[in-house]
Amino acid sequence: GVVGAGGTGGSANGADATASRQPSGTGLAERTGLTTWDVGDLPAVVDTRVAGGVVRGYPALVDEKDSVALRIEATPERAARLTHAGVRRLLLLAVPSPAAYVLEHLTSAEKLSLAASPYPSAKALIEDARVAVADAVVARVAPGGIRTAADFEAARAAFSAAVVDDLFQAVSLVARILTLQRDVERAVKRQNSMTLLAALGDVKGQLAALVPPGFVSQTGLARLAHLPRYLQGALSRVEGLSDNPGRDRQRMTEFERASAAYADAGGALPATPDASPALARARWLLEEYRVSLFAQQLGTAEPVSLQRITKTLAGRE
C-alpha cells in the first residue's frame, strides 16, 4: 500500500516536486521542492524490498533553505535531527515574518544594543530569533516532534498566533544579553594587571562561547533566559578579580577539572548541533558550575558539582 506521499500533493509545483526516484517495493517517494506540508503523515520507517532481503530506511524532511526535501535516511537519529530542522523550515515558510515590523517598533536602547551583535545586521538577528520562537512553539505543541499533517497544522496555528509577541520578548531578552556582554568586555579591558591574564582569558573564552554568531537559535529561548545570569556572574567575577586573584585561581582550577572532563567526552564550546543529549546538558551545567564557583550570590538553576557533571557526561544523570 502507498504510505504518506499521496499523489503529487497540493503544491503548485507538485508535478516536478514528485519527479523523484522511488525505491522499489515502497510507496514513499523521495521528493524535493516542498514548501508546504503535503506529505500526508510521515511514517517512522519504510522497508524497501531489494534482491536478497529488505532495506529499512527512515523518512526525513530535510531543510534546503527555500524549500524542504523528503528523503530516506539510514538511521532514525539522523532522520529525527534533520526532520526537526525541516519541519521548522516549513513553519517559517507557512507564516509571514514580522521581522520588519518588530525592528521598527524596538526602543532606541534595544536598537543600539542590537547594532553591536555578532550578526551581520539587526534584521538577521531578528530572523534568527524567529527561528528560536518556531523551535519553542514546536517544543510546546509537539514535544515528541511532528510527523503528521494534524500536528503540523496545530504547530502552524500556534506559531502564527504567538510569533509577534514572542519575537518582541525574545529580541528584548537578546538586547539585554548583548548589553551585559559589552559590560563584561569593558570590565575586562579595565583590568590591566599581568597577574590576571589567565582569568581574563578564561572570561573572554566564556563570552565567545556564549554569544557566537547564530547564538539565538542555537541556544534556544528556554536557555537564553539564563544567559543574563551567566554574564552577570562573569561581570562580578571580573570586578572582584584584583581583590583576591589567588582565590580566583583556586576556583579556576576547580572549573578546569569540569571543563576538561567535558572536552574529554567530546564536548565543544559552543556545543555542536549534533551533540548528544548528555553533552548538550553538560554544556549548560558548566555555566551553572561557573556561577556556583565565581558568583555564588546569583544562585544556580539546579544543584551542580563536578560529580554531577561527570555523571551527566557518563549518561547517568
Protein backbone atom coordinates (compact mmCIF):
# COMPACT_ATOMS: atom_id res chain seq x y z
CA GLY A 1 0.00 0.00 0.00
CA VAL A 2 1.05 3.60 -0.51
CA VAL A 3 2.27 5.28 2.66
CA GLY A 4 2.24 9.04 3.05
CA ALA A 5 3.18 10.64 -0.24
CA GLY A 6 -0.31 10.74 -1.71
CA GLY A 7 -0.16 11.65 -5.40
CA THR A 8 1.53 14.93 -6.21
CA GLY A 9 0.20 16.71 -3.14
CA GLY A 10 -1.33 20.14 -3.21
CA SER A 11 1.65 22.34 -4.08
CA ALA A 12 1.72 24.38 -7.27
CA ASN A 13 4.93 22.69 -8.28
CA GLY A 14 3.51 19.29 -7.36
CA ALA A 15 4.37 17.67 -10.67
CA ASP A 16 8.09 18.36 -10.57
CA ALA A 17 8.25 18.09 -6.74
CA THR A 18 7.23 14.47 -7.13
CA ALA A 19 9.54 13.70 -10.03
CA SER A 20 11.80 11.56 -7.90
CA ARG A 21 13.47 8.25 -7.54
CA GLN A 22 11.15 5.83 -5.85
CA PRO A 23 12.69 2.85 -4.09
CA SER A 24 11.13 -0.33 -5.46
CA GLY A 25 8.63 -2.02 -3.20
CA THR A 26 7.68 1.05 -1.13
CA GLY A 27 5.07 3.72 -1.59
CA LEU A 28 7.20 6.57 -0.22
CA ALA A 29 8.99 8.52 -2.92
CA GLU A 30 11.84 10.92 -2.21
CA ARG A 31 10.87 14.46 -3.26
CA THR A 32 12.35 17.94 -3.39
CA GLY A 33 10.94 21.46 -3.56
CA LEU A 34 8.30 21.10 -0.84
CA THR A 35 7.14 24.45 0.53
CA THR A 36 4.02 23.23 2.36
CA TRP A 37 3.24 20.09 4.36
CA ASP A 38 1.87 17.89 1.60
CA VAL A 39 3.42 14.57 2.57
CA GLY A 40 0.39 13.25 4.45
CA ASP A 41 1.62 11.57 7.63
CA LEU A 42 5.30 10.73 7.72
CA PRO A 43 5.88 7.06 8.66
CA ALA A 44 8.69 6.35 11.11
CA VAL A 45 10.18 3.62 8.90
CA VAL A 46 9.93 2.36 5.34
CA ASP A 47 11.12 -1.06 4.22
CA THR A 48 12.34 -1.44 0.67
CA ARG A 49 12.48 -4.87 -0.96
CA VAL A 50 15.80 -5.46 -2.67
CA ALA A 51 17.43 -8.57 -4.03
CA GLY A 52 18.30 -10.70 -1.04
CA GLY A 53 16.03 -9.06 1.54
CA VAL A 54 14.68 -5.81 2.87
CA VAL A 55 16.44 -2.50 3.47
CA ARG A 56 14.99 -0.40 6.30
CA GLY A 57 15.02 3.38 5.87
CA TYR A 58 13.85 6.33 7.96
CA PRO A 59 11.91 9.12 6.22
CA ALA A 60 13.11 12.64 6.98
CA LEU A 61 12.15 16.17 5.98
CA VAL A 62 15.38 17.98 5.12
CA ASP A 63 15.81 21.76 5.30
CA GLU A 64 17.09 23.14 1.98
CA LYS A 65 16.70 26.84 2.96
CA ASP A 66 13.99 27.91 0.46
CA SER A 67 12.20 24.58 0.50
CA VAL A 68 12.27 21.13 2.08
CA ALA A 69 13.10 17.71 0.65
CA LEU A 70 11.65 14.34 1.64
CA ARG A 71 14.49 11.83 1.88
CA ILE A 72 15.04 8.35 3.22
CA GLU A 73 17.86 8.29 5.80
CA ALA A 74 19.90 5.37 7.12
CA THR A 75 19.43 5.95 10.88
CA PRO A 76 16.44 7.06 12.99
CA GLU A 77 18.65 9.55 14.91
CA ARG A 78 19.74 11.35 11.76
CA ALA A 79 16.18 11.30 10.39
CA ALA A 80 14.86 12.85 13.62
CA ARG A 81 17.55 15.56 13.68
CA LEU A 82 17.03 16.50 10.04
CA THR A 83 13.23 16.43 10.38
CA HIS A 84 13.39 18.85 13.31
CA ALA A 85 15.03 21.43 11.02
CA GLY A 86 12.83 20.51 8.04
CA VAL A 87 9.59 20.97 9.99
CA ARG A 88 10.90 24.28 11.33
CA ARG A 89 11.64 25.45 7.76
CA LEU A 90 8.08 24.58 6.67
CA LEU A 91 6.72 26.56 9.64
CA LEU A 92 8.88 29.58 8.79
CA LEU A 93 7.65 29.37 5.18
CA ALA A 94 4.00 29.00 6.28
CA VAL A 95 3.82 32.10 8.50
CA PRO A 96 4.87 35.54 7.19
CA SER A 97 7.85 37.04 9.03
CA PRO A 98 7.07 40.04 11.25
CA ALA A 99 10.81 40.92 11.43
CA ALA A 100 10.45 44.30 9.70
CA TYR A 101 7.54 45.25 11.99
CA VAL A 102 9.46 44.19 15.11
CA LEU A 103 12.58 46.07 14.01
CA GLU A 104 10.53 49.27 13.51
CA HIS A 105 8.98 49.07 16.97
CA LEU A 106 12.09 48.43 19.09
CA THR A 107 13.13 51.04 21.67
CA SER A 108 16.19 53.10 20.73
CA ALA A 109 18.16 51.40 23.52
CA GLU A 110 17.31 47.99 22.06
CA LYS A 111 18.28 49.11 18.55
CA LEU A 112 21.58 50.35 19.92
CA SER A 113 22.43 47.08 21.64
CA LEU A 114 21.41 45.01 18.59
CA ALA A 115 23.67 47.12 16.39
CA ALA A 116 26.78 45.61 18.01
CA SER A 117 25.92 41.93 17.73
CA PRO A 118 27.79 39.03 16.13
CA TYR A 119 25.12 39.02 13.37
CA PRO A 120 25.63 40.85 10.05
CA SER A 121 22.60 43.07 10.76
CA ALA A 122 19.81 43.64 13.29
CA LYS A 123 17.38 42.12 10.77
CA ALA A 124 19.49 38.94 10.56
CA LEU A 125 19.45 38.70 14.35
CA ILE A 126 15.65 39.11 14.46
CA GLU A 127 15.24 36.44 11.78
CA ASP A 128 17.38 34.08 13.88
CA ALA A 129 15.21 34.90 16.91
CA ARG A 130 12.17 33.93 14.77
CA VAL A 131 13.80 30.53 14.23
CA ALA A 132 14.18 30.19 18.02
CA VAL A 133 10.49 31.14 18.50
CA ALA A 134 9.46 28.45 15.97
CA ASP A 135 11.54 25.86 17.88
CA ALA A 136 9.94 26.88 21.18
CA VAL A 137 6.43 26.56 19.68
CA VAL A 138 7.19 23.07 18.32
CA ALA A 139 8.61 22.00 21.71
CA ARG A 140 5.40 23.22 23.37
CA VAL A 141 2.86 21.86 20.85
CA ALA A 142 4.56 18.58 19.90
CA PRO A 143 7.34 17.71 22.37
CA GLY A 144 7.87 14.37 20.61
CA GLY A 145 8.36 16.06 17.22
CA ILE A 146 5.96 16.49 14.29
CA ARG A 147 5.22 13.66 11.86
CA THR A 148 1.54 14.15 10.99
CA ALA A 149 -0.35 16.75 8.99
CA ALA A 150 -2.61 17.39 12.02
CA ASP A 151 0.36 18.07 14.32
CA PHE A 152 1.89 20.38 11.74
CA GLU A 153 -1.37 22.31 11.39
CA ALA A 154 -1.58 22.69 15.19
CA ALA A 155 2.01 23.99 15.29
CA ARG A 156 1.38 26.37 12.35
CA ALA A 157 -1.69 27.84 14.08
CA ALA A 158 0.19 28.22 17.39
CA PHE A 159 3.23 29.80 15.69
CA SER A 160 1.02 32.19 13.73
CA ALA A 161 -0.78 33.27 16.91
CA ALA A 162 2.34 33.71 19.04
CA VAL A 163 5.09 34.87 16.70
CA VAL A 164 4.75 38.67 17.03
CA ASP A 165 4.58 38.80 20.85
CA ASP A 166 7.13 36.03 21.33
CA LEU A 167 9.52 37.67 18.88
CA PHE A 168 9.34 41.01 20.72
CA GLN A 169 10.08 39.21 24.01
CA ALA A 170 12.95 37.23 22.50
CA VAL A 171 14.53 40.31 20.92
CA SER A 172 14.33 42.34 24.11
CA LEU A 173 15.96 39.44 26.02
CA VAL A 174 18.72 39.34 23.39
CA ALA A 175 19.20 43.11 23.72
CA ARG A 176 19.74 42.62 27.47
CA ILE A 177 22.23 39.83 26.80
CA LEU A 178 24.22 41.93 24.32
CA THR A 179 24.29 44.91 26.73
CA LEU A 180 25.63 42.70 29.53
CA GLN A 181 28.16 41.16 27.15
CA ARG A 182 29.50 44.64 26.42
CA ASP A 183 29.61 45.45 30.16
CA VAL A 184 31.76 42.36 30.73
CA GLU A 185 34.05 43.26 27.80
CA ARG A 186 34.54 46.78 29.21
CA ALA A 187 35.29 45.41 32.67
CA VAL A 188 37.88 43.05 31.14
CA LYS A 189 39.58 46.00 29.37
CA ARG A 190 39.76 47.95 32.63
CA GLN A 191 41.79 45.21 34.34
CA ASN A 192 45.35 45.50 33.14
CA SER A 193 47.46 43.60 35.64
CA MET A 194 49.64 40.85 34.15
CA THR A 195 48.76 38.52 37.05
CA LEU A 196 45.12 38.46 35.94
CA LEU A 197 45.75 37.48 32.32
CA ALA A 198 44.73 33.81 32.71
CA ALA A 199 41.45 34.70 34.42
CA LEU A 200 40.63 37.42 31.87
CA GLY A 201 41.43 35.00 29.04
CA ASP A 202 39.05 32.49 30.61
CA VAL A 203 36.26 35.09 30.74
CA LYS A 204 36.88 36.09 27.10
CA GLY A 205 36.60 32.43 26.09
CA GLN A 206 33.37 32.13 28.07
CA LEU A 207 31.89 35.18 26.27
CA ALA A 208 32.92 33.87 22.84
CA ALA A 209 31.16 30.55 23.57
CA LEU A 210 28.01 32.19 24.98
CA VAL A 211 27.45 34.78 22.24
CA PRO A 212 28.81 33.44 18.92
CA PRO A 213 27.16 34.22 15.55
CA GLY A 214 23.87 32.30 15.38
CA PHE A 215 23.68 32.03 19.18
CA VAL A 216 19.98 32.91 19.47
CA SER A 217 18.56 29.87 17.66
CA GLN A 218 21.49 27.63 18.68
CA THR A 219 20.91 28.37 22.37
CA GLY A 220 17.11 28.28 22.20
CA LEU A 221 14.71 30.55 24.10
CA ALA A 222 14.48 28.41 27.25
CA ARG A 223 18.23 28.53 27.83
CA LEU A 224 18.66 32.13 26.60
CA ALA A 225 16.66 33.22 29.65
CA HIS A 226 19.64 32.09 31.81
CA LEU A 227 22.32 33.97 29.83
CA PRO A 228 21.86 37.28 31.68
CA ARG A 229 22.72 35.46 34.93
CA TYR A 230 25.79 33.80 33.38
CA LEU A 231 27.01 37.18 32.10
CA GLN A 232 26.22 38.86 35.42
CA GLY A 233 28.33 36.15 37.05
CA ALA A 234 31.22 36.86 34.68
CA LEU A 235 30.89 40.59 35.41
CA SER A 236 31.03 40.22 39.17
CA ARG A 237 33.95 37.82 38.81
CA VAL A 238 35.95 40.34 36.73
CA GLU A 239 35.07 43.23 39.04
CA GLY A 240 36.27 41.30 42.11
CA LEU A 241 39.38 39.85 40.48
CA SER A 242 42.04 42.24 41.78
CA ASP A 243 40.74 41.93 45.39
CA ASN A 244 41.74 38.29 45.55
CA PRO A 245 43.49 36.86 42.48
CA GLY A 246 44.62 33.80 44.43
CA ARG A 247 41.06 32.80 45.27
CA ASP A 248 40.07 33.17 41.60
CA ARG A 249 42.96 30.92 40.56
CA GLN A 250 41.79 28.26 43.00
CA ARG A 251 38.23 28.38 41.66
CA MET A 252 39.51 28.30 38.10
CA THR A 253 41.47 25.11 38.85
CA GLU A 254 38.22 23.51 40.07
CA PHE A 255 36.36 24.70 37.00
CA GLU A 256 39.07 23.40 34.67
CA ARG A 257 38.57 19.87 36.04
CA ALA A 258 34.95 20.03 34.89
CA SER A 259 35.73 21.58 31.51
CA ALA A 260 38.49 19.00 30.90
CA ALA A 261 36.02 16.18 31.63
CA TYR A 262 33.60 17.79 29.16
CA ALA A 263 36.30 18.11 26.47
CA ASP A 264 37.46 14.51 27.05
CA ALA A 265 33.89 13.32 26.46
CA GLY A 266 33.95 15.07 23.08
CA GLY A 267 32.26 18.32 24.13
CA ALA A 268 32.89 21.56 22.25
CA LEU A 269 32.22 25.20 23.21
CA PRO A 270 29.81 26.30 21.89
CA ALA A 271 28.23 22.84 21.64
CA THR A 272 27.85 21.45 18.10
CA PRO A 273 24.29 20.99 16.73
CA ASP A 274 24.71 17.21 16.66
CA ALA A 275 25.95 16.92 20.28
CA SER A 276 24.41 14.04 22.23
CA PRO A 277 21.75 14.91 24.83
CA ALA A 278 24.31 14.20 27.60
CA LEU A 279 26.85 16.62 26.09
CA ALA A 280 24.20 19.26 25.39
CA ARG A 281 23.08 19.08 29.02
CA ALA A 282 26.63 19.09 30.43
CA ARG A 283 27.48 22.17 28.37
CA TRP A 284 24.95 24.23 30.35
CA LEU A 285 25.84 22.57 33.65
CA LEU A 286 29.33 24.00 33.07
CA GLU A 287 27.85 27.53 33.01
CA GLU A 288 25.87 26.81 36.19
CA TYR A 289 29.10 25.49 37.74
CA ARG A 290 30.86 28.77 36.87
CA VAL A 291 28.10 30.68 38.66
CA SER A 292 28.42 28.42 41.74
CA LEU A 293 32.20 28.96 41.86
CA PHE A 294 32.64 32.59 40.85
CA ALA A 295 29.31 34.28 41.67
CA GLN A 296 27.58 32.15 44.26
CA GLN A 297 25.34 35.04 45.32
CA LEU A 298 23.44 34.77 41.98
CA GLY A 299 22.32 31.19 42.66
CA THR A 300 22.14 28.30 40.16
CA ALA A 301 19.13 26.98 38.25
CA GLU A 302 19.77 23.50 39.68
CA PRO A 303 22.25 21.81 42.04
CA VAL A 304 25.63 21.48 40.34
CA SER A 305 29.01 19.96 41.20
CA LEU A 306 31.96 18.34 39.47
CA GLN A 307 30.45 14.96 40.37
CA ARG A 308 27.11 15.88 38.83
CA ILE A 309 28.82 16.98 35.60
CA THR A 310 30.85 13.75 35.31
CA LYS A 311 27.69 11.70 35.97
CA THR A 312 25.82 13.62 33.27
CA LEU A 313 28.68 13.06 30.80
CA ALA A 314 28.54 9.34 31.55
CA GLY A 315 24.80 9.39 30.80
CA ARG A 316 23.86 8.56 34.39
CA GLU A 317 22.03 11.84 35.14
